[in-house]
Structures are given as C-alpha cells and as structure tokens.
Protein backbone atom coordinates (compact mmCIF):
# COMPACT_ATOMS: atom_id res chain seq x y z
CA MET A 1 0.00 0.00 0.00
CA ASN A 2 2.79 2.44 0.87
CA GLN A 3 4.56 2.00 -2.46
CA ARG A 4 1.29 2.62 -4.27
CA LYS A 5 0.76 5.90 -2.41
CA VAL A 6 4.32 7.00 -3.08
CA GLY A 7 3.90 6.17 -6.76
CA LEU A 8 0.63 8.11 -6.90
CA VAL A 9 2.19 11.15 -5.23
CA ALA A 10 5.19 10.97 -7.57
CA ALA A 11 2.95 10.76 -10.62
CA ALA A 12 0.85 13.71 -9.41
CA ALA A 13 3.99 15.76 -8.73
CA LEU A 14 5.34 14.97 -12.18
CA ALA A 15 2.07 15.97 -13.83
CA LEU A 16 1.90 19.23 -11.87
CA SER A 17 5.50 20.10 -12.67
CA LEU A 18 4.91 19.51 -16.37
CA VAL A 19 1.79 21.68 -16.36
CA SER A 20 3.44 24.46 -14.37
CA GLY A 21 6.53 24.29 -16.58
CA CYS A 22 4.39 24.78 -19.67
CA ALA A 23 2.62 27.71 -18.04
CA VAL A 24 5.90 29.37 -17.12
CA ALA A 25 7.45 28.71 -20.54
CA ASP A 26 4.45 30.28 -22.27
CA ASP A 27 4.26 33.30 -19.95
CA GLY A 28 5.84 36.33 -21.55
CA TYR A 29 7.02 34.48 -24.68
CA PRO A 30 5.57 37.00 -27.17
CA MET A 31 7.02 39.91 -25.19
CA SER A 32 10.57 38.80 -25.96
CA TYR A 33 9.94 39.61 -29.62
CA HIS A 34 8.68 43.09 -28.77
CA PRO A 35 11.33 44.94 -26.74
CA ASN A 36 9.32 48.17 -26.51
CA ILE A 37 6.27 46.38 -25.10
CA GLU A 38 8.53 44.36 -22.82
CA ALA A 39 10.13 47.57 -21.49
CA ALA A 40 6.73 49.19 -20.96
CA ASP A 41 5.54 46.10 -19.07
CA PHE A 42 8.66 46.17 -16.88
CA ASN A 43 8.03 49.85 -16.10
CA ALA A 44 4.40 49.08 -15.22
CA GLN A 45 5.58 46.32 -12.86
CA GLN A 46 7.93 48.77 -11.18
CA ALA A 47 5.16 51.37 -10.90
CA ILE A 48 2.89 48.83 -9.22
CA GLU A 49 5.59 48.00 -6.68
CA ARG A 50 6.25 51.69 -6.01
CA MET A 51 2.53 52.32 -5.49
CA ARG A 52 2.38 49.44 -3.01
CA MET A 53 5.36 50.89 -1.15
CA ALA A 54 3.65 54.30 -1.11
CA GLN A 55 0.52 52.71 0.33
CA GLN A 56 2.53 51.10 3.11
CA ALA A 57 4.44 54.30 3.84
CA ASN A 58 1.16 56.21 4.18
CA ASP A 59 -0.61 53.53 6.24
CA TYR A 60 -2.98 52.93 3.30
CA HIS A 61 -4.61 56.36 3.78
CA MET A 62 -4.66 57.41 0.14
CA GLY A 63 -8.40 57.70 -0.45
CA GLY A 64 -8.47 54.57 -2.59
CA HIS A 65 -6.53 56.31 -5.34
CA ALA A 66 -3.42 54.15 -4.98
CA GLY A 67 -5.49 50.98 -5.19
CA ARG A 68 -7.22 52.31 -8.29
CA ALA A 69 -3.86 53.21 -9.85
CA ILE A 70 -2.58 49.70 -9.17
CA GLN A 71 -5.67 48.20 -10.79
CA LEU A 72 -5.26 50.41 -13.86
CA LEU A 73 -1.59 49.44 -14.15
CA GLN A 74 -2.51 45.76 -13.92
CA ASP A 75 -5.11 46.30 -16.63
CA ALA A 76 -2.47 48.03 -18.74
CA ARG A 77 -0.11 45.06 -18.31
CA TYR A 78 -2.88 42.73 -19.49
CA GLU A 79 -3.39 44.91 -22.58
CA MET A 80 0.35 44.97 -23.26
CA GLN A 81 0.43 41.17 -23.18
CA ALA A 82 -2.55 41.06 -25.56
CA ALA A 83 -0.83 43.54 -27.88
CA ALA A 84 2.34 41.44 -27.93
CA GLU A 85 0.35 38.29 -28.68
CA SER A 86 -1.57 40.00 -31.48
CA ALA A 87 1.60 41.35 -33.01
CA SER A 88 3.20 37.89 -32.88
CA ARG A 89 0.57 36.27 -35.08
C-alpha cells in the first residue's frame, strides 16, 4: 500500500511540474519579440511595486486612489500582453 501511495504522489507531482513548466514557458514568450512592449511592461511592474510601497508608507490612507492606480496598471499590463500576442501572429 505504501509503495502505491508513493507512486501516486510521484505521478501527481510529475504531472503538476509539467503543467506548471508549460505555463511558465508560455508566460511572456511573445514579449521577448517586442522589446518596446517588454520595457513598458517592466516599467508598469515597477510602478505597481512603487505604489504598493507608497501605500505602506502612508498607512494605506490614500483615499483609494493608490489601489485604483494599481488596478489600472494591472489592466495596462494585461493589454500589453494582448498587444504582444496580437503582433506575434
């Protein structure tokens, strides 16, 4: 029984690692062909991190504006990814 459980866990771990590896390999692939979009995405990531640091520094008393800015930057990153994918077709 023990060997069967170990085999099942090993098989599940292998399947999950293959799936996660494919997800990571696919993530950002089109961006590498579009250096301007890739740079803009990097800048948006940095802006999100800076906004989060500003929230923490101000004890999250920013009238909801920082949270809204973060959401807009995340939306922009999604659109940048979509633009890169469209341009790669």
